[in-house]
PDB file of N, CA and C in Angstrom:
ATOM      1  N   MET A   1     -13.115  -1.037   5.961  1.00  0.00           N
ATOM      2  CA  MET A   1     -12.667   0.222   6.500  1.00  0.00           C
ATOM      3  C   MET A   1     -11.185   0.086   6.830  1.00  0.00           C
ATOM      4  N   SER A   2     -10.383   1.012   6.310  1.00  0.00           N
ATOM      5  CA  SER A   2      -8.949   0.966   6.580  1.00  0.00           C
ATOM      6  C   SER A   2      -8.659   1.493   7.989  1.00  0.00           C
ATOM      7  N   LYS A   3      -7.435   1.256   8.432  1.00  0.00           N
ATOM      8  CA  LYS A   3      -7.030   1.727   9.766  1.00  0.00           C
ATOM      9  C   LYS A   3      -7.084   3.247   9.843  1.00  0.00           C
ATOM     10  N   TYR A   4      -6.683   3.892   8.764  1.00  0.00           N
ATOM     11  CA  TYR A   4      -6.648   5.356   8.762  1.00  0.00           C
ATOM     12  C   TYR A   4      -8.056   5.943   8.802  1.00  0.00           C
ATOM     13  N   THR A   5      -8.984   5.319   8.119  1.00  0.00           N
ATOM     14  CA  THR A   5     -10.376   5.763   8.165  1.00  0.00           C
ATOM     15  C   THR A   5     -10.937   5.581   9.568  1.00  0.00           C
ATOM     16  N   ALA A   6     -10.603   4.478  10.208  1.00  0.00           N
ATOM     17  CA  ALA A   6     -11.076   4.228  11.571  1.00  0.00           C
ATOM     18  C   ALA A   6     -10.505   5.258  12.541  1.00  0.00           C
ATOM     19  N   ILE A   7      -9.240   5.645  12.362  1.00  0.00           N
ATOM     20  CA  ILE A   7      -8.638   6.658  13.232  1.00  0.00           C
ATOM     21  C   ILE A   7      -9.358   7.989  13.057  1.00  0.00           C
ATOM     22  N   ILE A   8      -9.657   8.361  11.821  1.00  0.00           N
ATOM     23  CA  ILE A   8     -10.381   9.614  11.567  1.00  0.00           C
ATOM     24  C   ILE A   8     -11.773   9.550  12.185  1.00  0.00           C
ATOM     25  N   PHE A   9     -12.462   8.423  12.030  1.00  0.00           N
ATOM     26  CA  PHE A   9     -13.797   8.256  12.603  1.00  0.00           C
ATOM     27  C   PHE A   9     -13.750   8.374  14.127  1.00  0.00           C
ATOM     28  N   LEU A  10     -12.782   7.728  14.754  1.00  0.00           N
ATOM     29  CA  LEU A  10     -12.663   7.799  16.217  1.00  0.00           C
ATOM     30  C   LEU A  10     -12.321   9.216  16.674  1.00  0.00           C
ATOM     31  N   GLY A  11     -11.509   9.917  15.906  1.00  0.00           N
ATOM     32  CA  GLY A  11     -11.201  11.306  16.237  1.00  0.00           C
ATOM     33  C   GLY A  11     -12.441  12.186  16.191  1.00  0.00           C
ATOM     34  N   MET A  12     -13.281  11.987  15.174  1.00  0.00           N
ATOM     35  CA  MET A  12     -14.532  12.746  15.097  1.00  0.00           C
ATOM     36  C   MET A  12     -15.463  12.369  16.243  1.00  0.00           C
ATOM     37  N   LEU A  13     -15.451  11.099  16.629  1.00  0.00           N
ATOM     38  CA  LEU A  13     -16.272  10.655  17.750  1.00  0.00           C
ATOM     39  C   LEU A  13     -15.844  11.356  19.041  1.00  0.00           C
ATOM     40  N   VAL A  14     -14.554  11.527  19.236  1.00  0.00           N
ATOM     41  CA  VAL A  14     -14.054  12.233  20.421  1.00  0.00           C
ATOM     42  C   VAL A  14     -14.570  13.671  20.437  1.00  0.00           C
ATOM     43  N   ILE A  15     -14.556  14.332  19.283  1.00  0.00           N
ATOM     44  CA  ILE A  15     -15.053  15.709  19.204  1.00  0.00           C
ATOM     45  C   ILE A  15     -16.537  15.761  19.552  1.00  0.00           C
ATOM     46  N   VAL A  16     -17.316  14.834  18.997  1.00  0.00           N
ATOM     47  CA  VAL A  16     -18.758  14.811  19.260  1.00  0.00           C
ATOM     48  C   VAL A  16     -19.027  14.509  20.732  1.00  0.00           C
ATOM     49  N   LEU A  17     -18.288  13.565  21.297  1.00  0.00           N
ATOM     50  CA  LEU A  17     -18.494  13.212  22.708  1.00  0.00           C
ATOM     51  C   LEU A  17     -18.162  14.378  23.637  1.00  0.00           C
ATOM     52  N   ALA A  18     -17.199  15.195  23.247  1.00  0.00           N
ATOM     53  CA  ALA A  18     -16.799  16.310  24.106  1.00  0.00           C
ATOM     54  C   ALA A  18     -17.907  17.348  24.238  1.00  0.00           C
ATOM     55  N   VAL A  19     -18.739  17.515  23.213  1.00  0.00           N
ATOM     56  CA  VAL A  19     -19.787  18.536  23.254  1.00  0.00           C
ATOM     57  C   VAL A  19     -21.176  17.946  23.470  1.00  0.00           C
ATOM     58  N   ALA A  20     -21.296  16.629  23.443  1.00  0.00           N
ATOM     59  CA  ALA A  20     -22.604  15.993  23.633  1.00  0.00           C
ATOM     60  C   ALA A  20     -23.015  16.090  25.101  1.00  0.00           C
ATOM     61  N   GLY A  21     -24.305  16.110  25.326  1.00  0.00           N
ATOM     62  CA  GLY A  21     -24.817  16.224  26.689  1.00  0.00           C
ATOM     63  C   GLY A  21     -25.017  14.879  27.342  1.00  0.00           C
ATOM     64  N   LEU A  22     -23.973  14.087  27.421  1.00  0.00           N
ATOM     65  CA  LEU A  22     -24.049  12.763  28.039  1.00  0.00           C
ATOM     66  C   LEU A  22     -23.694  12.855  29.522  1.00  0.00           C
ATOM     67  N   PRO A  23     -24.175  11.889  30.297  1.00  0.00           N
ATOM     68  CA  PRO A  23     -23.766  11.841  31.706  1.00  0.00           C
ATOM     69  C   PRO A  23     -22.241  11.663  31.800  1.00  0.00           C
ATOM     70  N   PRO A  24     -21.634  12.216  32.823  1.00  0.00           N
ATOM     71  CA  PRO A  24     -20.157  12.184  32.927  1.00  0.00           C
ATOM     72  C   PRO A  24     -19.548  10.783  32.861  1.00  0.00           C
ATOM     73  N   LEU A  25     -20.172   9.801  33.498  1.00  0.00           N
ATOM     74  CA  LEU A  25     -19.617   8.444  33.491  1.00  0.00           C
ATOM     75  C   LEU A  25     -19.626   7.856  32.082  1.00  0.00           C
ATOM     76  N   VAL A  26     -20.709   8.037  31.364  1.00  0.00           N
ATOM     77  CA  VAL A  26     -20.820   7.506  30.000  1.00  0.00           C
ATOM     78  C   VAL A  26     -19.825   8.227  29.095  1.00  0.00           C
ATOM     79  N   ARG A  27     -19.769   9.568  29.202  1.00  0.00           N
ATOM     80  CA  ARG A  27     -18.864  10.349  28.360  1.00  0.00           C
ATOM     81  C   ARG A  27     -17.407   9.961  28.610  1.00  0.00           C
ATOM     82  N   THR A  28     -17.029   9.837  29.868  1.00  0.00           N
ATOM     83  CA  THR A  28     -15.652   9.473  30.204  1.00  0.00           C
ATOM     84  C   THR A  28     -15.313   8.081  29.686  1.00  0.00           C
ATOM     85  N   SER A  29     -16.238   7.142  29.858  1.00  0.00           N
ATOM     86  CA  SER A  29     -16.003   5.777  29.386  1.00  0.00           C
ATOM     87  C   SER A  29     -15.816   5.742  27.874  1.00  0.00           C
ATOM     88  N   LEU A  30     -16.677   6.441  27.144  1.00  0.00           N
ATOM     89  CA  LEU A  30     -16.573   6.453  25.685  1.00  0.00           C
ATOM     90  C   LEU A  30     -15.312   7.181  25.215  1.00  0.00           C
ATOM     91  N   LEU A  31     -14.918   8.235  25.913  1.00  0.00           N
ATOM     92  CA  LEU A  31     -13.687   8.937  25.548  1.00  0.00           C
ATOM     93  C   LEU A  31     -12.458   8.051  25.776  1.00  0.00           C
ATOM     94  N   VAL A  32     -12.452   7.314  26.872  1.00  0.00           N
ATOM     95  CA  VAL A  32     -11.324   6.413  27.149  1.00  0.00           C
ATOM     96  C   VAL A  32     -11.260   5.310  26.100  1.00  0.00           C
ATOM     97  N   LEU A  33     -12.401   4.712  25.763  1.00  0.00           N
ATOM     98  CA  LEU A  33     -12.425   3.649  24.748  1.00  0.00           C
ATOM     99  C   LEU A  33     -12.008   4.176  23.379  1.00  0.00           C
ATOM    100  N   SER A  34     -12.458   5.369  23.040  1.00  0.00           N
ATOM    101  CA  SER A  34     -12.063   5.964  21.758  1.00  0.00           C
ATOM    102  C   SER A  34     -10.565   6.241  21.732  1.00  0.00           C
ATOM    103  N   GLY A  35     -10.036   6.764  22.827  1.00  0.00           N
ATOM    104  CA  GLY A  35      -8.600   7.031  22.909  1.00  0.00           C
ATOM    105  C   GLY A  35      -7.771   5.764  22.808  1.00  0.00           C
ATOM    106  N   LEU A  36      -8.212   4.710  23.482  1.00  0.00           N
ATOM    107  CA  LEU A  36      -7.512   3.430  23.381  1.00  0.00           C
ATOM    108  C   LEU A  36      -7.572   2.886  21.956  1.00  0.00           C
ATOM    109  N   GLY A  37      -8.713   3.044  21.305  1.00  0.00           N
ATOM    110  CA  GLY A  37      -8.842   2.597  19.915  1.00  0.00           C
ATOM    111  C   GLY A  37      -7.894   3.344  19.000  1.00  0.00           C
ATOM    112  N   ILE A  38      -7.795   4.654  19.181  1.00  0.00           N
ATOM    113  CA  ILE A  38      -6.870   5.451  18.370  1.00  0.00           C
ATOM    114  C   ILE A  38      -5.429   5.014  18.634  1.00  0.00           C
ATOM    115  N   ALA A  39      -5.087   4.782  19.890  1.00  0.00           N
ATOM    116  CA  ALA A  39      -3.725   4.364  20.236  1.00  0.00           C
ATOM    117  C   ALA A  39      -3.385   3.009  19.621  1.00  0.00           C
ATOM    118  N   VAL A  40      -4.304   2.057  19.698  1.00  0.00           N
ATOM    119  CA  VAL A  40      -4.060   0.721  19.155  1.00  0.00           C
ATOM    120  C   VAL A  40      -3.923   0.782  17.636  1.00  0.00           C
ATOM    121  N   LEU A  41      -4.823   1.501  16.972  1.00  0.00           N
ATOM    122  CA  LEU A  41      -4.739   1.602  15.515  1.00  0.00           C
ATOM    123  C   LEU A  41      -3.477   2.338  15.075  1.00  0.00           C
ATOM    124  N   GLY A  42      -3.088   3.353  15.814  1.00  0.00           N
ATOM    125  CA  GLY A  42      -1.842   4.055  15.509  1.00  0.00           C
ATOM    126  C   GLY A  42      -0.638   3.141  15.650  1.00  0.00           C
ATOM    127  N   TYR A  43      -0.623   2.329  16.698  1.00  0.00           N
ATOM    128  CA  TYR A  43       0.475   1.385  16.896  1.00  0.00           C
ATOM    129  C   TYR A  43       0.508   0.350  15.783  1.00  0.00           C
ATOM    130  N   LEU A  44      -0.646  -0.195  15.442  1.00  0.00           N
ATOM    131  CA  LEU A  44      -0.691  -1.198  14.381  1.00  0.00           C
ATOM    132  C   LEU A  44      -0.264  -0.610  13.042  1.00  0.00           C
ATOM    133  N   SER A  45      -0.577   0.643  12.804  1.00  0.00           N
ATOM    134  CA  SER A  45      -0.152   1.288  11.566  1.00  0.00           C
ATOM    135  C   SER A  45       1.361   1.440  11.526  1.00  0.00           C
ATOM    136  N   SER A  46       1.972   1.753  12.656  1.00  0.00           N
ATOM    137  CA  SER A  46       3.425   1.902  12.679  1.00  0.00           C
ATOM    138  C   SER A  46       4.127   0.559  12.570  1.00  0.00           C
ATOM    139  N   VAL A  47       3.525  -0.505  13.080  1.00  0.00           N
ATOM    140  CA  VAL A  47       4.124  -1.829  12.973  1.00  0.00           C
ATOM    141  C   VAL A  47       4.199  -2.243  11.512  1.00  0.00           C
ATOM    142  N   VAL A  48       3.158  -2.004  10.753  1.00  0.00           N
ATOM    143  CA  VAL A  48       3.156  -2.345   9.335  1.00  0.00           C
ATOM    144  C   VAL A  48       4.209  -1.521   8.617  1.00  0.00           C
ATOM    145  N   TYR A  49       4.334  -0.243   8.959  1.00  0.00           N
ATOM    146  CA  TYR A  49       5.321   0.623   8.334  1.00  0.00           C
ATOM    147  C   TYR A  49       6.730   0.112   8.601  1.00  0.00           C
ATOM    148  N   CYS A  50       7.007  -0.290   9.825  1.00  0.00           N
ATOM    149  CA  CYS A  50       8.345  -0.756  10.160  1.00  0.00           C
ATOM    150  C   CYS A  50       8.673  -2.064   9.452  1.00  0.00           C
ATOM    151  N   SER A  51       7.722  -2.956   9.298  1.00  0.00           N
ATOM    152  CA  SER A  51       8.001  -4.208   8.601  1.00  0.00           C
ATOM    153  C   SER A  51       8.272  -3.937   7.125  1.00  0.00           C
ATOM    154  N   ASN A  52       7.608  -2.945   6.541  1.00  0.00           N
ATOM    155  CA  ASN A  52       7.899  -2.584   5.154  1.00  0.00           C
ATOM    156  C   ASN A  52       9.300  -1.995   5.042  1.00  0.00           C
ATOM    157  N   CYS A  53       9.715  -1.192   6.022  1.00  0.00           N
ATOM    158  CA  CYS A  53      11.057  -0.605   6.002  1.00  0.00           C
ATOM    159  C   CYS A  53      12.114  -1.701   6.075  1.00  0.00           C
ATOM    160  N   LYS A  54      11.912  -2.691   6.926  1.00  0.00           N
ATOM    161  CA  LYS A  54      12.869  -3.783   7.045  1.00  0.00           C
ATOM    162  C   LYS A  54      12.996  -4.522   5.722  1.00  0.00           C
ATOM    163  N   LYS A  55      11.888  -4.731   5.043  1.00  0.00           N
ATOM    164  CA  LYS A  55      11.922  -5.412   3.751  1.00  0.00           C
ATOM    165  C   LYS A  55      12.725  -4.593   2.745  1.00  0.00           C
ATOM    166  N   LEU A  56      12.525  -3.282   2.726  1.00  0.00           N
ATOM    167  CA  LEU A  56      13.263  -2.423   1.807  1.00  0.00           C
ATOM    168  C   LEU A  56      14.760  -2.434   2.121  1.00  0.00           C
ATOM    169  N   ILE A  57      15.119  -2.430   3.401  1.00  0.00           N
ATOM    170  CA  ILE A  57      16.528  -2.468   3.791  1.00  0.00           C
ATOM    171  C   ILE A  57      17.165  -3.782   3.372  1.00  0.00           C
ATOM    172  N   ASP A  58      16.451  -4.891   3.571  1.00  0.00           N
ATOM    173  CA  ASP A  58      16.978  -6.197   3.169  1.00  0.00           C
ATOM    174  C   ASP A  58      17.189  -6.264   1.663  1.00  0.00           C
ATOM    175  N   GLU A  59      16.243  -5.725   0.893  1.00  0.00           N
ATOM    176  CA  GLU A  59      16.376  -5.734  -0.565  1.00  0.00           C
ATOM    177  C   GLU A  59      17.543  -4.860  -1.009  1.00  0.00           C
ATOM    178  N   ALA A  60      17.753  -3.728  -0.349  1.00  0.00           N
ATOM    179  CA  ALA A  60      18.868  -2.850  -0.697  1.00  0.00           C
ATOM    180  C   ALA A  60      20.199  -3.523  -0.390  1.00  0.00           C
ATOM    181  N   ASP A  61      20.279  -4.252   0.712  1.00  0.00           N
ATOM    182  CA  ASP A  61      21.511  -4.964   1.051  1.00  0.00           C
ATOM    183  C   ASP A  61      21.838  -6.034   0.022  1.00  0.00           C
ATOM    184  N   GLN A  62      20.817  -6.673  -0.516  1.00  0.00           N
ATOM    185  CA  GLN A  62      21.040  -7.697  -1.527  1.00  0.00           C
ATOM    186  C   GLN A  62      21.446  -7.076  -2.861  1.00  0.00           C
ATOM    187  N   ALA A  63      20.941  -5.903  -3.163  1.00  0.00           N
ATOM    188  CA  ALA A  63      21.238  -5.258  -4.441  1.00  0.00           C
ATOM    189  C   ALA A  63      22.658  -4.702  -4.471  1.00  0.00           C
ATOM    190  N   LEU A  64      23.136  -4.206  -3.341  1.00  0.00           N
ATOM    191  CA  LEU A  64      24.469  -3.597  -3.276  1.00  0.00           C
ATOM    192  C   LEU A  64      25.304  -4.269  -2.190  1.00  0.00           C
ATOM    193  N   PRO A  65      25.871  -5.436  -2.495  1.00  0.00           N
ATOM    194  CA  PRO A  65      26.676  -6.098  -1.459  1.00  0.00           C
ATOM    195  C   PRO A  65      27.977  -5.338  -1.226  1.00  0.00           C
ATOM    196  N   ALA A  66      28.395  -5.275   0.007  1.00  0.00           N
ATOM    197  CA  ALA A  66      29.637  -4.590   0.363  1.00  0.00           C
ATOM    198  C   ALA A  66      30.802  -5.554   0.237  1.00  0.00           C
ATOM    199  N   SER A  67      31.868  -5.100  -0.415  1.00  0.00           N
ATOM    200  CA  SER A  67      33.054  -5.917  -0.538  1.00  0.00           C
ATOM    201  C   SER A  67      34.065  -5.491   0.528  1.00  0.00           C
ATOM    202  N   PRO A  68      34.990  -6.362   0.897  1.00  0.00           N
ATOM    203  CA  PRO A  68      35.961  -6.013   1.931  1.00  0.00           C
ATOM    204  C   PRO A  68      36.845  -4.814   1.542  1.00  0.00           C
ATOM    205  N   GLU A  69      37.080  -4.603   0.234  1.00  0.00           N
ATOM    206  CA  GLU A  69      37.922  -3.494  -0.205  1.00  0.00           C
ATOM    207  C   GLU A  69      37.232  -2.156   0.034  1.00  0.00           C
ATOM    208  N   ASP A  70      35.894  -2.138   0.052  1.00  0.00           N
ATOM    209  CA  ASP A  70      35.157  -0.888   0.239  1.00  0.00           C
ATOM    210  C   ASP A  70      35.198  -0.398   1.674  1.00  0.00           C
ATOM    211  N   ILE A  71      35.504  -1.277   2.588  1.00  0.00           N
ATOM    212  CA  ILE A  71      35.491  -0.929   4.001  1.00  0.00           C
ATOM    213  C   ILE A  71      36.891  -0.498   4.414  1.00  0.00           C
ATOM    214  N   THR A  72      37.008   0.719   4.917  1.00  0.00           N
ATOM    215  CA  THR A  72      38.317   1.210   5.366  1.00  0.00           C
ATOM    216  C   THR A  72      38.333   1.203   6.889  1.00  0.00           C
ATOM    217  N   THR A  73      39.464   0.840   7.432  1.00  0.00           N
ATOM    218  CA  THR A  73      39.615   0.806   8.880  1.00  0.00           C
ATOM    219  C   THR A  73      40.631   1.846   9.290  1.00  0.00           C
ATOM    220  N   THR A  74      40.403   2.422  10.440  1.00  0.00           N
ATOM    221  CA  THR A  74      41.363   3.384  10.988  1.00  0.00           C
ATOM    222  C   THR A  74      41.929   2.830  12.278  1.00  0.00           C
ATOM    223  N   SER A  75      43.226   2.963  12.434  1.00  0.00           N
ATOM    224  CA  SER A  75      43.885   2.436  13.644  1.00  0.00           C
ATOM    225  C   SER A  75      44.286   3.554  14.555  1.00  0.00           C
TER     226      SER A  75
END
């Protein structure tokens, strides 16, 4: 199961828990755990995205090196 599938599943679980006839303590506990799960998976998804961006930036820097003549300074 991918992270995105798990986020969708947890989101549907939140919807079901909101309308289910569970005792308040159980419902609140499950909603908090589902919310924390969504937050953690969302964070982990963004971490992977950022590491891919860094790799792309590093590769672009290697492909197009800047020479000193290209850099203009203003005084």
